[in-house]
Protein backbone atom coordinates (compact mmCIF):
# COMPACT_ATOMS: atom_id res chain seq x y z
CA MET A 1 -75.80 -81.57 -50.21
CA LEU A 2 -74.59 -78.37 -48.54
CA ALA A 3 -71.26 -76.87 -49.54
CA PRO A 4 -68.33 -77.75 -47.26
CA LEU A 5 -67.91 -75.43 -44.27
CA VAL A 6 -64.32 -74.44 -43.49
CA TRP A 7 -63.40 -73.43 -39.92
CA SER A 8 -60.27 -72.17 -38.18
CA THR A 9 -59.39 -71.29 -34.60
CA PRO A 10 -56.32 -70.41 -32.54
CA LEU A 11 -55.35 -72.83 -29.78
CA ARG A 12 -55.24 -71.76 -26.15
CA SER A 13 -51.68 -73.14 -25.85
CA ARG A 14 -49.21 -74.33 -28.45
CA PHE A 15 -49.94 -78.03 -29.02
CA ARG A 16 -47.97 -80.55 -31.10
CA GLY A 17 -46.18 -77.59 -32.68
CA LEU A 18 -49.50 -75.99 -33.69
CA ASP A 19 -50.91 -72.58 -32.83
CA VAL A 20 -54.00 -72.88 -35.07
CA ARG A 21 -56.37 -75.74 -35.89
CA ASP A 22 -58.64 -75.83 -38.92
CA GLY A 23 -60.70 -78.20 -41.04
CA VAL A 24 -63.84 -78.79 -43.12
CA LEU A 25 -67.37 -79.77 -42.07
CA LEU A 26 -69.40 -81.91 -44.47
CA ARG A 27 -73.18 -82.42 -44.43
CA GLY A 28 -74.88 -85.63 -45.55
CA ASP A 29 -78.14 -87.52 -45.02
CA ALA A 30 -77.08 -88.76 -41.56
CA GLY A 31 -75.74 -85.44 -40.25
CA TRP A 32 -72.40 -83.64 -40.12
CA GLY A 33 -68.89 -85.04 -40.42
CA GLU A 34 -65.48 -83.46 -40.13
CA LEU A 35 -62.41 -83.64 -42.38
CA SER A 36 -59.34 -82.21 -40.66
CA PRO A 37 -56.11 -84.09 -41.41
CA PHE A 38 -53.05 -82.24 -40.15
CA TRP A 39 -51.14 -80.45 -42.87
CA ASP A 40 -48.14 -82.77 -42.54
CA TYR A 41 -50.36 -85.61 -43.86
CA ASP A 42 -50.15 -85.92 -47.64
CA ASP A 43 -53.20 -86.63 -49.78
CA ALA A 44 -52.68 -90.39 -49.87
CA GLU A 45 -52.53 -90.55 -46.07
CA SER A 46 -55.50 -88.20 -45.71
CA VAL A 47 -58.00 -90.29 -47.68
CA THR A 48 -58.92 -92.29 -44.57
CA TRP A 49 -59.82 -89.00 -42.86
CA LEU A 50 -62.32 -88.26 -45.62
CA ARG A 51 -63.70 -91.80 -45.38
CA ALA A 52 -64.37 -91.17 -41.68
CA ALA A 53 -66.05 -87.84 -42.42
CA ARG A 54 -68.28 -89.40 -45.04
CA GLU A 55 -69.25 -92.23 -42.65
CA ALA A 56 -70.37 -89.63 -40.09
CA ALA A 57 -72.25 -87.57 -42.68
CA ASP A 58 -73.77 -90.30 -44.84
CA VAL A 59 -74.14 -93.40 -42.64
CA GLY A 60 -74.11 -92.29 -39.02
CA PHE A 61 -72.74 -94.16 -36.01
CA PRO A 62 -73.36 -97.57 -34.43
CA ASP A 63 -75.71 -97.84 -31.47
CA PRO A 64 -74.03 -96.93 -28.15
CA VAL A 65 -73.71 -99.28 -25.19
CA ARG A 66 -73.13 -96.42 -22.71
CA GLU A 67 -74.55 -92.92 -22.29
CA ARG A 68 -71.41 -91.18 -20.98
CA VAL A 69 -67.72 -91.51 -21.78
CA PRO A 70 -65.05 -90.77 -19.14
CA VAL A 71 -62.32 -88.49 -20.45
CA ASN A 72 -58.90 -87.18 -19.52
CA VAL A 73 -57.81 -83.57 -19.43
CA THR A 74 -54.93 -82.87 -21.82
CA VAL A 75 -52.05 -80.80 -20.45
CA PRO A 76 -49.84 -79.32 -23.21
CA ALA A 77 -46.13 -78.59 -22.76
CA VAL A 78 -46.70 -75.66 -20.43
CA GLY A 79 -45.15 -74.50 -17.18
CA PRO A 80 -46.17 -76.05 -13.86
CA GLN A 81 -48.49 -73.22 -12.80
CA ARG A 82 -50.40 -73.37 -16.08
CA ALA A 83 -50.52 -77.18 -15.85
CA ARG A 84 -52.07 -76.93 -12.41
CA GLU A 85 -54.68 -74.44 -13.61
CA ILE A 86 -55.66 -76.68 -16.54
CA VAL A 87 -56.33 -79.60 -14.20
CA LEU A 88 -58.24 -77.48 -11.70
CA ARG A 89 -60.52 -76.21 -14.49
CA SER A 90 -60.91 -79.50 -16.34
CA GLY A 91 -64.58 -80.15 -15.69
CA GLY A 92 -64.07 -82.85 -13.10
CA CYS A 93 -61.59 -85.01 -15.03
CA ARG A 94 -59.80 -87.48 -12.78
CA THR A 95 -57.25 -88.49 -15.44
CA ALA A 96 -54.66 -86.23 -17.07
CA LYS A 97 -52.57 -86.78 -20.18
CA VAL A 98 -49.41 -84.70 -19.90
CA LYS A 99 -47.43 -83.85 -23.02
CA VAL A 100 -43.68 -84.41 -22.75
CA ALA A 101 -40.68 -84.80 -25.08
CA GLN A 102 -41.13 -81.41 -26.74
CA ARG A 103 -38.27 -80.63 -29.11
CA GLY A 104 -36.88 -77.38 -30.41
CA PRO A 105 -36.38 -76.68 -34.11
CA ALA A 106 -34.17 -79.00 -36.14
CA ARG A 107 -30.77 -77.65 -37.12
CA GLN A 108 -28.62 -78.75 -40.05
CA GLY A 109 -30.71 -81.87 -40.57
CA ARG A 110 -30.50 -82.95 -36.93
CA PRO A 111 -33.45 -83.16 -34.51
CA GLY A 112 -33.91 -80.24 -32.14
CA GLU A 113 -32.98 -80.55 -28.49
CA VAL A 114 -35.56 -82.24 -26.28
CA GLU A 115 -36.85 -80.16 -23.38
CA PRO A 116 -34.99 -80.65 -20.09
CA LEU A 117 -36.13 -83.53 -17.92
CA ALA A 118 -36.58 -81.05 -15.06
CA ALA A 119 -39.29 -79.24 -17.05
CA GLU A 120 -41.13 -82.48 -17.75
CA ALA A 121 -40.86 -83.53 -14.11
CA GLU A 122 -42.16 -80.18 -12.84
CA ARG A 123 -45.16 -80.40 -15.18
CA VAL A 124 -46.04 -83.93 -14.06
CA ALA A 125 -45.53 -83.03 -10.39
CA ALA A 126 -47.85 -80.04 -10.76
CA VAL A 127 -50.56 -82.25 -12.24
CA ARG A 128 -50.17 -84.78 -9.43
CA ALA A 129 -50.38 -81.99 -6.85
CA ALA A 130 -53.52 -80.58 -8.48
CA PHE A 131 -55.27 -83.95 -8.28
CA ASP A 132 -54.21 -84.29 -4.63
CA GLU A 133 -55.66 -80.84 -3.96
CA LEU A 134 -58.93 -81.60 -5.73
CA TYR A 135 -59.70 -85.14 -4.66
CA GLY A 136 -57.25 -86.11 -1.93
CA PRO A 137 -53.73 -87.59 -1.85
CA GLY A 138 -53.08 -90.34 -4.36
CA THR A 139 -56.29 -89.81 -6.33
CA GLY A 140 -56.48 -89.25 -10.05
CA ALA A 141 -54.48 -90.93 -12.81
CA VAL A 142 -51.55 -89.36 -14.68
CA ARG A 143 -50.36 -90.55 -18.08
CA VAL A 144 -47.69 -88.98 -20.29
CA ASP A 145 -47.52 -88.71 -24.08
CA ALA A 146 -44.21 -88.30 -25.92
CA ASN A 147 -45.64 -88.47 -29.47
CA GLY A 148 -42.71 -90.70 -30.43
CA ALA A 149 -40.16 -87.93 -29.83
CA TRP A 150 -37.83 -89.55 -27.29
CA THR A 151 -34.90 -91.66 -28.30
CA LEU A 152 -34.78 -95.08 -26.67
CA THR A 153 -32.07 -93.87 -24.30
CA GLU A 154 -34.11 -90.80 -23.33
CA ALA A 155 -37.23 -92.88 -22.76
CA LEU A 156 -35.53 -95.40 -20.51
CA ALA A 157 -33.91 -92.63 -18.47
CA ARG A 158 -36.92 -90.30 -18.19
CA ILE A 159 -39.89 -92.58 -17.65
CA PRO A 160 -38.77 -93.74 -14.16
CA VAL A 161 -38.32 -90.10 -13.07
CA LEU A 162 -41.74 -89.10 -14.34
CA ASP A 163 -43.25 -92.23 -12.81
CA ALA A 164 -41.90 -91.15 -9.44
CA GLU A 165 -43.26 -87.59 -9.84
CA ALA A 166 -46.68 -88.97 -10.77
CA ARG A 167 -46.50 -91.49 -7.93
CA GLY A 168 -47.25 -94.12 -10.52
CA LEU A 169 -47.90 -93.38 -14.19
CA GLU A 170 -51.02 -94.96 -15.64
CA TYR A 171 -49.08 -95.48 -18.87
CA VAL A 172 -46.64 -93.78 -21.25
CA GLU A 173 -47.99 -93.12 -24.74
CA GLN A 174 -45.77 -93.59 -27.80
CA PRO A 175 -42.46 -92.96 -26.01
CA CYS A 176 -40.43 -93.62 -29.19
CA ALA A 177 -41.11 -93.54 -32.90
CA THR A 178 -40.77 -97.16 -34.02
CA VAL A 179 -42.45 -100.41 -33.04
CA ALA A 180 -39.05 -101.97 -32.34
CA GLU A 181 -38.26 -99.13 -29.93
CA LEU A 182 -41.62 -99.51 -28.17
CA ALA A 183 -40.85 -103.19 -27.63
CA ALA A 184 -37.40 -102.26 -26.32
CA VAL A 185 -38.93 -99.76 -23.89
CA ARG A 186 -41.27 -102.44 -22.55
CA ARG A 187 -38.37 -104.86 -22.08
CA GLY A 188 -35.92 -102.31 -20.70
CA LEU A 189 -37.89 -100.22 -18.22
CA SER A 190 -36.81 -100.42 -14.60
CA VAL A 191 -40.36 -99.56 -13.47
CA ALA A 192 -43.68 -101.21 -14.23
CA VAL A 193 -45.20 -98.57 -16.53
CA PRO A 194 -47.45 -99.84 -19.36
CA VAL A 195 -46.72 -98.64 -22.91
CA ALA A 196 -49.48 -97.33 -25.19
CA ALA A 197 -49.14 -97.19 -28.99
CA ASP A 198 -50.62 -94.25 -30.91
CA GLU A 199 -48.65 -93.22 -33.99
CA SER A 200 -47.57 -96.86 -34.40
CA ILE A 201 -51.25 -97.61 -34.97
CA ARG A 202 -52.70 -94.58 -36.77
CA ARG A 203 -49.76 -93.89 -39.12
CA ALA A 204 -48.78 -97.51 -39.73
CA ALA A 205 -49.25 -99.54 -42.89
CA ASP A 206 -49.50 -102.57 -40.58
CA PRO A 207 -51.13 -101.55 -37.26
CA LEU A 208 -51.14 -105.16 -36.00
CA ARG A 209 -47.35 -105.22 -35.90
CA VAL A 210 -47.42 -103.80 -32.35
CA VAL A 211 -49.25 -106.95 -31.26
CA ARG A 212 -46.99 -109.38 -33.09
CA GLU A 213 -43.87 -107.76 -31.63
CA ASP A 214 -45.34 -107.47 -28.13
CA ALA A 215 -44.68 -103.73 -28.27
CA ALA A 216 -47.67 -102.31 -26.39
CA ASP A 217 -49.99 -102.90 -23.46
CA VAL A 218 -52.62 -100.42 -24.68
CA VAL A 219 -53.62 -99.07 -28.10
CA VAL A 220 -54.85 -95.55 -28.84
CA LEU A 221 -57.43 -95.32 -31.62
CA LYS A 222 -58.39 -92.13 -33.45
CA VAL A 223 -61.41 -92.21 -35.72
CA GLN A 224 -60.37 -89.92 -38.56
CA PRO A 225 -56.89 -91.32 -39.27
CA LEU A 226 -58.20 -94.89 -39.14
CA GLY A 227 -61.12 -94.39 -41.50
CA GLY A 228 -64.20 -94.20 -39.29
CA VAL A 229 -65.93 -95.60 -36.24
CA ARG A 230 -66.66 -99.01 -37.76
CA ALA A 231 -63.10 -99.42 -39.01
CA CYS A 232 -61.86 -98.68 -35.47
CA LEU A 233 -64.26 -101.20 -33.92
CA GLU A 234 -62.97 -103.85 -36.32
CA LEU A 235 -59.35 -102.96 -35.56
CA ALA A 236 -59.97 -103.03 -31.81
CA GLU A 237 -61.32 -106.56 -32.12
CA GLN A 238 -58.30 -107.65 -34.16
CA VAL A 239 -55.77 -106.07 -31.79
CA GLY A 240 -57.30 -107.55 -28.65
CA LEU A 241 -55.64 -105.04 -26.30
CA PRO A 242 -57.29 -102.42 -24.07
CA VAL A 243 -58.33 -99.38 -26.12
CA VAL A 244 -58.17 -95.66 -25.40
CA VAL A 245 -60.11 -93.50 -27.85
CA SER A 246 -58.44 -90.18 -28.49
CA SER A 247 -59.07 -87.12 -30.64
CA ALA A 248 -57.16 -85.60 -33.50
CA LEU A 249 -57.80 -82.13 -32.10
CA GLU A 250 -61.11 -81.74 -33.93
CA SER A 251 -63.98 -79.36 -33.43
CA SER A 252 -66.92 -80.69 -31.43
CA VAL A 253 -68.47 -81.96 -34.68
CA GLY A 254 -65.45 -84.20 -35.26
CA LEU A 255 -65.08 -85.11 -31.60
CA ALA A 256 -68.58 -86.60 -31.67
CA ALA A 257 -67.23 -89.42 -33.87
CA GLY A 258 -64.65 -90.28 -31.21
CA VAL A 259 -67.35 -90.23 -28.57
CA ALA A 260 -69.46 -92.53 -30.74
CA LEU A 261 -66.56 -95.00 -30.97
CA ALA A 262 -65.96 -94.93 -27.22
CA ALA A 263 -69.69 -95.37 -26.62
CA ALA A 264 -69.84 -98.43 -28.91
CA LEU A 265 -66.81 -100.35 -27.60
CA PRO A 266 -67.75 -103.41 -25.53
CA ASP A 267 -65.15 -102.51 -22.89
CA LEU A 268 -63.74 -99.10 -21.98
CA PRO A 269 -61.19 -99.57 -19.19
CA TYR A 270 -59.49 -96.16 -19.52
CA ALA A 271 -60.62 -92.56 -19.70
CA CYS A 272 -60.53 -91.32 -23.28
CA GLY A 273 -58.60 -88.40 -24.77
CA LEU A 274 -61.70 -86.66 -26.12
CA ALA A 275 -61.88 -83.50 -23.99
CA THR A 276 -59.74 -81.54 -26.43
CA ALA A 277 -62.38 -78.94 -27.26
CA GLN A 278 -60.92 -77.33 -24.13
CA LEU A 279 -57.81 -76.56 -26.19
CA LEU A 280 -59.66 -74.50 -28.83
CA GLU A 281 -60.24 -70.76 -28.54
CA ARG A 282 -63.39 -71.13 -30.64
CA ASP A 283 -65.65 -74.01 -31.66
CA VAL A 284 -68.19 -74.42 -34.46
CA VAL A 285 -71.12 -75.37 -32.19
CA ALA A 286 -73.13 -73.42 -29.64
CA ASP A 287 -72.70 -76.17 -27.03
CA PRO A 288 -69.14 -77.58 -27.29
CA LEU A 289 -68.30 -81.10 -26.18
CA LEU A 290 -66.89 -80.23 -22.77
CA PRO A 291 -66.74 -82.59 -19.79
CA THR A 292 -68.95 -82.45 -16.74
CA ASP A 293 -67.99 -84.64 -13.79
CA GLY A 294 -65.12 -85.93 -15.92
CA ALA A 295 -67.24 -87.35 -18.75
CA LEU A 296 -68.85 -86.42 -22.07
CA ASP A 297 -72.46 -87.07 -22.98
CA VAL A 298 -72.95 -89.34 -25.98
CA ARG A 299 -74.65 -87.08 -28.48
CA ARG A 300 -73.80 -85.39 -31.75
CA ARG A 301 -73.27 -81.68 -32.20
CA GLU A 302 -74.55 -79.51 -35.08
CA PRO A 303 -72.69 -76.48 -36.44
CA ASP A 304 -74.10 -73.17 -35.24
CA ALA A 305 -74.26 -70.22 -37.64
CA GLU A 306 -72.97 -67.68 -35.13
CA ALA A 307 -70.17 -69.96 -33.90
CA CYS A 308 -69.13 -70.80 -37.46
CA ALA A 309 -69.02 -67.12 -38.33
CA ALA A 310 -66.68 -66.50 -35.39
CA ALA A 311 -64.51 -69.41 -36.53
CA ALA A 312 -64.48 -68.39 -40.19
CA PRO A 313 -61.04 -68.69 -41.82
CA ASP A 314 -59.23 -66.19 -43.99
CA GLU A 315 -59.73 -66.54 -47.72
CA GLY A 316 -56.42 -68.33 -48.29
CA THR A 317 -57.14 -70.97 -45.64
CA ARG A 318 -60.66 -71.53 -47.01
CA ASP A 319 -59.42 -71.96 -50.58
CA ARG A 320 -56.65 -74.30 -49.45
CA TRP A 321 -59.13 -76.57 -47.62
CA LEU A 322 -61.67 -76.59 -50.44
CA ALA A 323 -58.94 -77.59 -52.90
CA ARG A 324 -57.76 -80.31 -50.53
CA HIS A 325 -61.30 -81.62 -50.10
CA GLY A 326 -61.69 -81.77 -53.88
CA ARG A 327 -58.45 -83.72 -54.33
CA LEU A 328 -59.32 -86.18 -51.55
CA THR A 329 -62.81 -86.72 -52.92
CA ALA A 330 -61.31 -87.67 -56.26
CA LEU A 331 -58.83 -90.02 -54.60
CA LEU A 332 -61.48 -91.68 -52.44
CA ALA A 333 -63.58 -92.38 -55.54
CA GLN A 334 -60.67 -94.43 -56.89
CA VAL A 335 -60.40 -96.61 -53.77
CA PRO A 336 -62.43 -99.84 -53.78
CA ALA A 337 -65.21 -99.80 -51.17
């Protein structure tokens, strides 16, 4: 088995509070897998990420039922002009996920201030206008993602405004942090905007709670946090709601696992959030997973020596990841299969 390959790259725009993304590539008999839990995940929570990487490297992926996967373009919390440019250069994507609910730094133990509603509205309006320009008035789908950062009051006040700017939101993803709040958003909205659950699935001890409490119309599944493609397929069957497959901001090696999940699902009613290689300054492959005509081809990517050299981390980052991989490997060995 080859030694783990550590990679690191700046992001084109600040995303989820990050300016840099990094991780580890692992080689096994079936190919390459990726281990890249965010640094705010502790070791116990990161074990499922290693399980997913080992599935990709050692077992491989289920057979696909489709050859291409439709994807959305992701628009970070940027100004309206930059948002427009991202959509215009998205590789033919006809769906956009717009990040909202960005908060400033916490002060004295209290959450930072959420960005003004006007900034969110301008971003969404710019995306809608870009789709109108590209494909004609009213074309393209716009969804927003709050990453659980709105309060219930903020969500109920802001979603109708953003729905109007989008001329109909496809859905709002994780508007609030808790399952109870998601259910309250669904009950309390004055407009008919579906609610999608992300963090309430991937960071939950009980991901089926969103179903029992009637808290979501759509579920977002991410391969690494949930332990692999097969684990996600099983969860999708248990949940019984429409599924959107999304990335955890991986390299193209890791994104291929998300594409494999989307390709294996019996039904795929929504574009998937897997075009995030567009957010990386550098990738680890010669041919990154980038959309053409709004979709990704269903095929794996192999690390490229030249690309990996360009994405090589500093010594401290490399040592930190190798130590983390060692700890997680030891923890995974203690977990029953």
